[in-house]
Every structure is written in C-alpha cells, then in structure tokens.
Amino acid sequence: MTDLGSPYGLLPRPEVLPWVIELVERCGSAYKAQERYGLCQETLLNILSGRSANVRVRTARRVRDALTEQRHWDESHPKPSAYQKRPEPLVLAEVVVASARELLQRCDGGHEVERRYGIPYSTVRHVANHHTPKVQRRTAQRILAALVEQRKLDRVNGHMSNGYRSKLITVAVRDKKMMDGYATT
C-alpha cells in the first residue's frame, strides 16, 4: 500500500477499492456510509463502479478512518444471530380495547389515567376508541398493568368513579330484566 502521509496526490483505485467495499458492506449502503462518516456517496459509488481510475489521498484516508471506526463499532455491537426470534414489537389493539375502556371509566377519563399512570391521554383514547389497528407491546403492557393497579385501589379503598358505578348499575339492571324475562317464559 502506498504511504498516506501526504494529503495531496492520487492513489490508484485498486489500492482503495477493498476498503470501500468493506465499508459499504459493513454500513449497508453507500448512503449510510455518507450519513455516518460524511463521505460523499457519489464518490464511493464512483470508486465501486470504476468510473474513477484514481482516488485522492485525502479521500482514501477518510475511507480508512471510517472503516476503522466501523470495525470497532461492529465489534462492540454484535448482531444477533439470524435464528434468534425477536419479539413482535406490535400487538393487535383488539387485545387491549376493553381494558383501555374500563381503565378510562374507572379513572373518570384519560387525563386522570395520564396523571396517575403516565400513559398519554391521546394514546389511551385512540386505543379505547379502536382508532389504531396495532399498539406497541410496551403500551399494551402499561395499560393492562394500570388497570390491574386501579382495580386493586378500587377494592382496597371501596371507591369507584361515579361514571363507572352508574355503568355497572345499568348493566346489572339490564341483566336482571333479562333474567326475569327468561324466568317468566
């Protein structure tokens, strides 16, 4: 390899080509190499395609430094094996719609849910009204955990929001009428 001591001058393309190929492969694309290390994407593509016969020493030096940095990063951040199954980050919103609605009713609205449990009002509202087909797994877990906690608080304190209490009474009256109707026939 030619000495890269002087920043001026040109190097033949075949001397720099292995570095560029490895850098682009490690980064994933010439665009990503440009984003990470400030190397011109067009210059990298010209070197790869053979459109340029020579490469500036300064560019070769930057490619070498970027490749060294990328190698260190790759060593410190190993990629997971292909056979390891990663958890699905999204779940169907249908799973938590009823729980989100109950949580909103037990807490007397979304602002109270946000104040008590830190789940944004807009998120709970979108899930409860079924405006989104999928929800992040972490959000679903937070909604379910908040509902469990709110149920515990309601049992311990014997307190329930007025809206939720009236809903339960309405459902109980409707069920009683329904049962009475079945008993008379």
C-alpha atoms as a PDB file:
ATOM      1  CA  MET A   1       0.000   0.000   0.000  1.00  0.00           C
ATOM      2  CA  THR A   2       1.197   3.456  -0.815  1.00  0.00           C
ATOM      3  CA  ASP A   3       2.070   5.683   2.117  1.00  0.00           C
ATOM      4  CA  LEU A   4      -0.780   8.006   3.031  1.00  0.00           C
ATOM      5  CA  GLY A   5       1.498  10.522   4.709  1.00  0.00           C
ATOM      6  CA  SER A   6       0.888  13.436   2.343  1.00  0.00           C
ATOM      7  CA  PRO A   7      -2.714  14.615   1.951  1.00  0.00           C
ATOM      8  CA  TYR A   8      -2.029  15.656  -1.633  1.00  0.00           C
ATOM      9  CA  GLY A   9      -1.824  13.397  -4.609  1.00  0.00           C
ATOM     10  CA  LEU A  10      -3.673  10.487  -6.080  1.00  0.00           C
ATOM     11  CA  LEU A  11      -3.762   6.753  -5.457  1.00  0.00           C
ATOM     12  CA  PRO A  12      -4.745   4.090  -7.964  1.00  0.00           C
ATOM     13  CA  ARG A  13      -8.335   2.852  -7.466  1.00  0.00           C
ATOM     14  CA  PRO A  14      -7.370  -0.829  -6.843  1.00  0.00           C
ATOM     15  CA  GLU A  15      -5.498   0.174  -3.655  1.00  0.00           C
ATOM     16  CA  VAL A  16      -8.544   1.856  -2.094  1.00  0.00           C
ATOM     17  CA  LEU A  17     -11.255  -0.409  -3.537  1.00  0.00           C
ATOM     18  CA  PRO A  18     -11.084  -3.152  -0.829  1.00  0.00           C
ATOM     19  CA  TRP A  19     -11.587  -0.551   1.901  1.00  0.00           C
ATOM     20  CA  VAL A  20     -14.563   0.994   0.132  1.00  0.00           C
ATOM     21  CA  ILE A  21     -16.162  -2.398  -0.497  1.00  0.00           C
ATOM     22  CA  GLU A  22     -15.788  -3.431   3.147  1.00  0.00           C
ATOM     23  CA  LEU A  23     -17.020  -0.073   4.436  1.00  0.00           C
ATOM     24  CA  VAL A  24     -20.138  -0.137   2.254  1.00  0.00           C
ATOM     25  CA  GLU A  25     -20.855  -3.756   3.204  1.00  0.00           C
ATOM     26  CA  ARG A  26     -20.462  -3.032   6.916  1.00  0.00           C
ATOM     27  CA  CYS A  27     -22.614   0.111   6.743  1.00  0.00           C
ATOM     28  CA  GLY A  28     -25.242  -1.462   4.499  1.00  0.00           C
ATOM     29  CA  SER A  29     -25.087   1.073   1.657  1.00  0.00           C
ATOM     30  CA  ALA A  30     -23.084   3.996   0.350  1.00  0.00           C
ATOM     31  CA  TYR A  31     -25.828   6.309   1.596  1.00  0.00           C
ATOM     32  CA  LYS A  32     -25.446   5.031   5.165  1.00  0.00           C
ATOM     33  CA  ALA A  33     -21.667   5.451   4.930  1.00  0.00           C
ATOM     34  CA  GLN A  34     -22.283   9.050   3.864  1.00  0.00           C
ATOM     35  CA  GLU A  35     -24.687   9.625   6.773  1.00  0.00           C
ATOM     36  CA  ARG A  36     -22.378   8.090   9.382  1.00  0.00           C
ATOM     37  CA  TYR A  37     -18.982   9.328   8.255  1.00  0.00           C
ATOM     38  CA  GLY A  38     -19.589  12.269   5.919  1.00  0.00           C
ATOM     39  CA  LEU A  39     -18.089  10.548   2.903  1.00  0.00           C
ATOM     40  CA  CYS A  40     -19.631  11.604  -0.395  1.00  0.00           C
ATOM     41  CA  GLN A  41     -21.981   8.897  -1.621  1.00  0.00           C
ATOM     42  CA  GLU A  42     -21.252   9.711  -5.251  1.00  0.00           C
ATOM     43  CA  THR A  43     -17.504   9.402  -4.683  1.00  0.00           C
ATOM     44  CA  LEU A  44     -17.944   5.992  -3.053  1.00  0.00           C
ATOM     45  CA  LEU A  45     -20.166   4.808  -5.920  1.00  0.00           C
ATOM     46  CA  ASN A  46     -17.654   6.104  -8.495  1.00  0.00           C
ATOM     47  CA  ILE A  47     -14.873   4.132  -6.799  1.00  0.00           C
ATOM     48  CA  LEU A  48     -17.036   0.999  -6.640  1.00  0.00           C
ATOM     49  CA  SER A  49     -18.173   1.186 -10.254  1.00  0.00           C
ATOM     50  CA  GLY A  50     -14.741   2.014 -11.658  1.00  0.00           C
ATOM     51  CA  ARG A  51     -15.720   5.407 -13.097  1.00  0.00           C
ATOM     52  CA  SER A  52     -12.743   6.950 -11.347  1.00  0.00           C
ATOM     53  CA  ALA A  53      -9.310   5.488 -12.010  1.00  0.00           C
ATOM     54  CA  ASN A  54      -7.615   7.381  -9.181  1.00  0.00           C
ATOM     55  CA  VAL A  55      -8.622   8.423  -5.678  1.00  0.00           C
ATOM     56  CA  ARG A  56      -7.401  11.412  -3.725  1.00  0.00           C
ATOM     57  CA  VAL A  57      -5.128  10.561  -0.814  1.00  0.00           C
ATOM     58  CA  ARG A  58      -7.343  12.663   1.463  1.00  0.00           C
ATOM     59  CA  THR A  59     -10.424  10.625   0.449  1.00  0.00           C
ATOM     60  CA  ALA A  60      -8.528   7.352   0.905  1.00  0.00           C
ATOM     61  CA  ARG A  61      -7.500   8.471   4.371  1.00  0.00           C
ATOM     62  CA  ARG A  62     -11.113   9.316   5.303  1.00  0.00           C
ATOM     63  CA  VAL A  63     -12.290   5.936   3.976  1.00  0.00           C
ATOM     64  CA  ARG A  64      -9.612   4.158   6.006  1.00  0.00           C
ATOM     65  CA  ASP A  65     -10.524   6.046   9.191  1.00  0.00           C
ATOM     66  CA  ALA A  66     -14.238   5.429   8.668  1.00  0.00           C
ATOM     67  CA  LEU A  67     -13.614   1.732   8.096  1.00  0.00           C
ATOM     68  CA  THR A  68     -11.539   1.502  11.282  1.00  0.00           C
ATOM     69  CA  GLU A  69     -14.268   3.230  13.252  1.00  0.00           C
ATOM     70  CA  GLN A  70     -16.957   0.981  11.735  1.00  0.00           C
ATOM     71  CA  ARG A  71     -14.933  -2.143  12.577  1.00  0.00           C
ATOM     72  CA  HIS A  72     -14.656  -1.028  16.211  1.00  0.00           C
ATOM     73  CA  TRP A  73     -18.380  -0.290  16.320  1.00  0.00           C
ATOM     74  CA  ASP A  74     -19.222  -3.701  14.815  1.00  0.00           C
ATOM     75  CA  GLU A  75     -17.027  -5.453  17.383  1.00  0.00           C
ATOM     76  CA  SER A  76     -18.647  -3.634  20.309  1.00  0.00           C
ATOM     77  CA  HIS A  77     -22.208  -4.151  18.976  1.00  0.00           C
ATOM     78  CA  PRO A  78     -22.504  -7.770  17.846  1.00  0.00           C
ATOM     79  CA  LYS A  79     -25.502  -8.549  15.676  1.00  0.00           C
ATOM     80  CA  PRO A  80     -27.990 -11.107  16.995  1.00  0.00           C
ATOM     81  CA  SER A  81     -27.955 -14.481  15.362  1.00  0.00           C
ATOM     82  CA  ALA A  82     -30.365 -14.930  12.488  1.00  0.00           C
ATOM     83  CA  TYR A  83     -32.046 -17.868  14.202  1.00  0.00           C
ATOM     84  CA  GLN A  84     -32.917 -15.880  17.339  1.00  0.00           C
ATOM     85  CA  LYS A  85     -36.539 -14.861  17.130  1.00  0.00           C
ATOM     86  CA  ARG A  86     -37.153 -11.310  18.198  1.00  0.00           C
ATOM     87  CA  PRO A  87     -40.381 -10.421  19.966  1.00  0.00           C
ATOM     88  CA  GLU A  88     -43.012  -8.736  17.852  1.00  0.00           C
ATOM     89  CA  PRO A  89     -42.987  -5.063  18.858  1.00  0.00           C
ATOM     90  CA  LEU A  90     -46.651  -4.561  17.961  1.00  0.00           C
ATOM     91  CA  VAL A  91     -49.788  -6.348  19.135  1.00  0.00           C
ATOM     92  CA  LEU A  92     -53.340  -6.106  17.872  1.00  0.00           C
ATOM     93  CA  ALA A  93     -55.232  -3.299  19.566  1.00  0.00           C
ATOM     94  CA  GLU A  94     -58.279  -5.577  19.928  1.00  0.00           C
ATOM     95  CA  VAL A  95     -56.459  -7.300  22.769  1.00  0.00           C
ATOM     96  CA  VAL A  96     -56.498  -4.195  24.974  1.00  0.00           C
ATOM     97  CA  VAL A  97     -59.522  -2.211  23.745  1.00  0.00           C
ATOM     98  CA  ALA A  98     -61.846  -3.457  26.503  1.00  0.00           C
ATOM     99  CA  SER A  99     -59.149  -2.959  29.144  1.00  0.00           C
ATOM    100  CA  ALA A 100     -58.442   0.586  27.956  1.00  0.00           C
ATOM    101  CA  ARG A 101     -62.155   1.431  28.052  1.00  0.00           C
ATOM    102  CA  GLU A 102     -62.504   0.014  31.558  1.00  0.00           C
ATOM    103  CA  LEU A 103     -59.426   1.929  32.693  1.00  0.00           C
ATOM    104  CA  LEU A 104     -60.856   5.174  31.310  1.00  0.00           C
ATOM    105  CA  GLN A 105     -64.159   4.548  33.089  1.00  0.00           C
ATOM    106  CA  ARG A 106     -62.578   3.553  36.390  1.00  0.00           C
ATOM    107  CA  CYS A 107     -60.347   6.636  36.389  1.00  0.00           C
ATOM    108  CA  ASP A 108     -63.034   9.099  35.216  1.00  0.00           C
ATOM    109  CA  GLY A 109     -61.274   9.945  31.967  1.00  0.00           C
ATOM    110  CA  GLY A 110     -57.993   9.957  30.166  1.00  0.00           C
ATOM    111  CA  HIS A 111     -56.449  12.919  31.936  1.00  0.00           C
ATOM    112  CA  GLU A 112     -56.666  11.063  35.235  1.00  0.00           C
ATOM    113  CA  VAL A 113     -55.079   7.981  33.601  1.00  0.00           C
ATOM    114  CA  GLU A 114     -52.238  10.162  32.373  1.00  0.00           C
ATOM    115  CA  ARG A 115     -51.794  11.782  35.793  1.00  0.00           C
ATOM    116  CA  ARG A 116     -51.828   8.500  37.736  1.00  0.00           C
ATOM    117  CA  TYR A 117     -50.075   6.082  35.396  1.00  0.00           C
ATOM    118  CA  GLY A 118     -48.169   8.247  32.902  1.00  0.00           C
ATOM    119  CA  ILE A 119     -49.890   6.820  29.835  1.00  0.00           C
ATOM    120  CA  PRO A 120     -50.660   9.717  27.457  1.00  0.00           C
ATOM    121  CA  TYR A 121     -54.334  10.610  27.234  1.00  0.00           C
ATOM    122  CA  SER A 122     -54.298  10.558  23.434  1.00  0.00           C
ATOM    123  CA  THR A 123     -52.813   7.061  23.380  1.00  0.00           C
ATOM    124  CA  VAL A 124     -55.404   5.588  25.742  1.00  0.00           C
ATOM    125  CA  ARG A 125     -58.193   7.354  23.879  1.00  0.00           C
ATOM    126  CA  HIS A 126     -57.021   6.050  20.487  1.00  0.00           C
ATOM    127  CA  VAL A 127     -56.768   2.502  21.825  1.00  0.00           C
ATOM    128  CA  ALA A 128     -60.119   2.626  23.634  1.00  0.00           C
ATOM    129  CA  ASN A 129     -61.928   4.023  20.580  1.00  0.00           C
ATOM    130  CA  HIS A 130     -60.224   1.459  18.339  1.00  0.00           C
ATOM    131  CA  HIS A 131     -58.681   4.138  16.106  1.00  0.00           C
ATOM    132  CA  THR A 132     -55.459   2.191  15.709  1.00  0.00           C
ATOM    133  CA  PRO A 133     -55.147  -1.407  14.481  1.00  0.00           C
ATOM    134  CA  LYS A 134     -51.924  -2.143  16.367  1.00  0.00           C
ATOM    135  CA  VAL A 135     -50.347  -0.968  19.595  1.00  0.00           C
ATOM    136  CA  GLN A 136     -46.792  -1.180  20.816  1.00  0.00           C
ATOM    137  CA  ARG A 137     -46.308  -4.110  23.141  1.00  0.00           C
ATOM    138  CA  ARG A 138     -44.986  -1.854  25.895  1.00  0.00           C
ATOM    139  CA  THR A 139     -48.075   0.382  25.685  1.00  0.00           C
ATOM    140  CA  ALA A 140     -50.378  -2.642  25.935  1.00  0.00           C
ATOM    141  CA  GLN A 141     -48.453  -3.859  28.978  1.00  0.00           C
ATOM    142  CA  ARG A 142     -48.708  -0.439  30.604  1.00  0.00           C
ATOM    143  CA  ILE A 143     -52.471  -0.263  30.020  1.00  0.00           C
ATOM    144  CA  LEU A 144     -53.013  -3.730  31.481  1.00  0.00           C
ATOM    145  CA  ALA A 145     -50.767  -3.029  34.480  1.00  0.00           C
ATOM    146  CA  ALA A 146     -52.557   0.270  35.120  1.00  0.00           C
ATOM    147  CA  LEU A 147     -55.927  -1.490  35.015  1.00  0.00           C
ATOM    148  CA  VAL A 148     -54.758  -4.128  37.486  1.00  0.00           C
ATOM    149  CA  GLU A 149     -53.452  -1.416  39.805  1.00  0.00           C
ATOM    150  CA  GLN A 150     -56.664   0.603  39.509  1.00  0.00           C
ATOM    151  CA  ARG A 151     -58.779  -2.470  40.311  1.00  0.00           C
ATOM    152  CA  LYS A 152     -56.659  -3.060  43.427  1.00  0.00           C
ATOM    153  CA  LEU A 153     -57.111   0.543  44.509  1.00  0.00           C
ATOM    154  CA  ASP A 154     -60.860   0.342  43.936  1.00  0.00           C
ATOM    155  CA  ARG A 155     -61.101  -2.825  46.048  1.00  0.00           C
ATOM    156  CA  VAL A 156     -58.920  -1.537  48.880  1.00  0.00           C
ATOM    157  CA  ASN A 157     -60.498   1.913  49.092  1.00  0.00           C
ATOM    158  CA  GLY A 158     -64.022   0.804  48.253  1.00  0.00           C
ATOM    159  CA  HIS A 159     -64.062   3.754  45.892  1.00  0.00           C
ATOM    160  CA  MET A 160     -65.223   3.766  42.327  1.00  0.00           C
ATOM    161  CA  SER A 161     -65.756   6.609  39.898  1.00  0.00           C
ATOM    162  CA  ASN A 162     -69.351   7.743  39.552  1.00  0.00           C
ATOM    163  CA  GLY A 163     -69.399   7.080  35.818  1.00  0.00           C
ATOM    164  CA  TYR A 164     -68.150   3.531  36.229  1.00  0.00           C
ATOM    165  CA  ARG A 165     -70.540   2.863  39.134  1.00  0.00           C
ATOM    166  CA  SER A 166     -73.553   4.048  37.091  1.00  0.00           C
ATOM    167  CA  LYS A 167     -72.444   1.898  34.158  1.00  0.00           C
ATOM    168  CA  LEU A 168     -72.222  -1.195  36.385  1.00  0.00           C
ATOM    169  CA  ILE A 169     -75.667  -0.461  37.838  1.00  0.00           C
ATOM    170  CA  THR A 170     -77.135  -0.058  34.344  1.00  0.00           C
ATOM    171  CA  VAL A 171     -75.632  -3.356  33.221  1.00  0.00           C
ATOM    172  CA  ALA A 172     -76.879  -5.111  36.377  1.00  0.00           C
ATOM    173  CA  VAL A 173     -80.435  -3.761  35.915  1.00  0.00           C
ATOM    174  CA  ARG A 174     -80.417  -4.820  32.268  1.00  0.00           C
ATOM    175  CA  ASP A 175     -79.160  -8.298  33.180  1.00  0.00           C
ATOM    176  CA  LYS A 176     -81.809  -8.615  35.922  1.00  0.00           C
ATOM    177  CA  LYS A 177     -84.580  -7.654  33.489  1.00  0.00           C
ATOM    178  CA  MET A 178     -83.215 -10.143  31.031  1.00  0.00           C
ATOM    179  CA  MET A 179     -83.091 -12.907  33.634  1.00  0.00           C
ATOM    180  CA  ASP A 180     -86.630 -12.051  34.815  1.00  0.00           C
ATOM    181  CA  GLY A 181     -87.799 -12.279  31.223  1.00  0.00           C
ATOM    182  CA  TYR A 182     -86.307 -15.741  30.878  1.00  0.00           C
ATOM    183  CA  ALA A 183     -87.830 -16.889  34.187  1.00  0.00           C
ATOM    184  CA  THR A 184     -91.384 -15.935  33.199  1.00  0.00           C
ATOM    185  CA  THR A 185     -91.396 -17.688  29.847  1.00  0.00           C
END
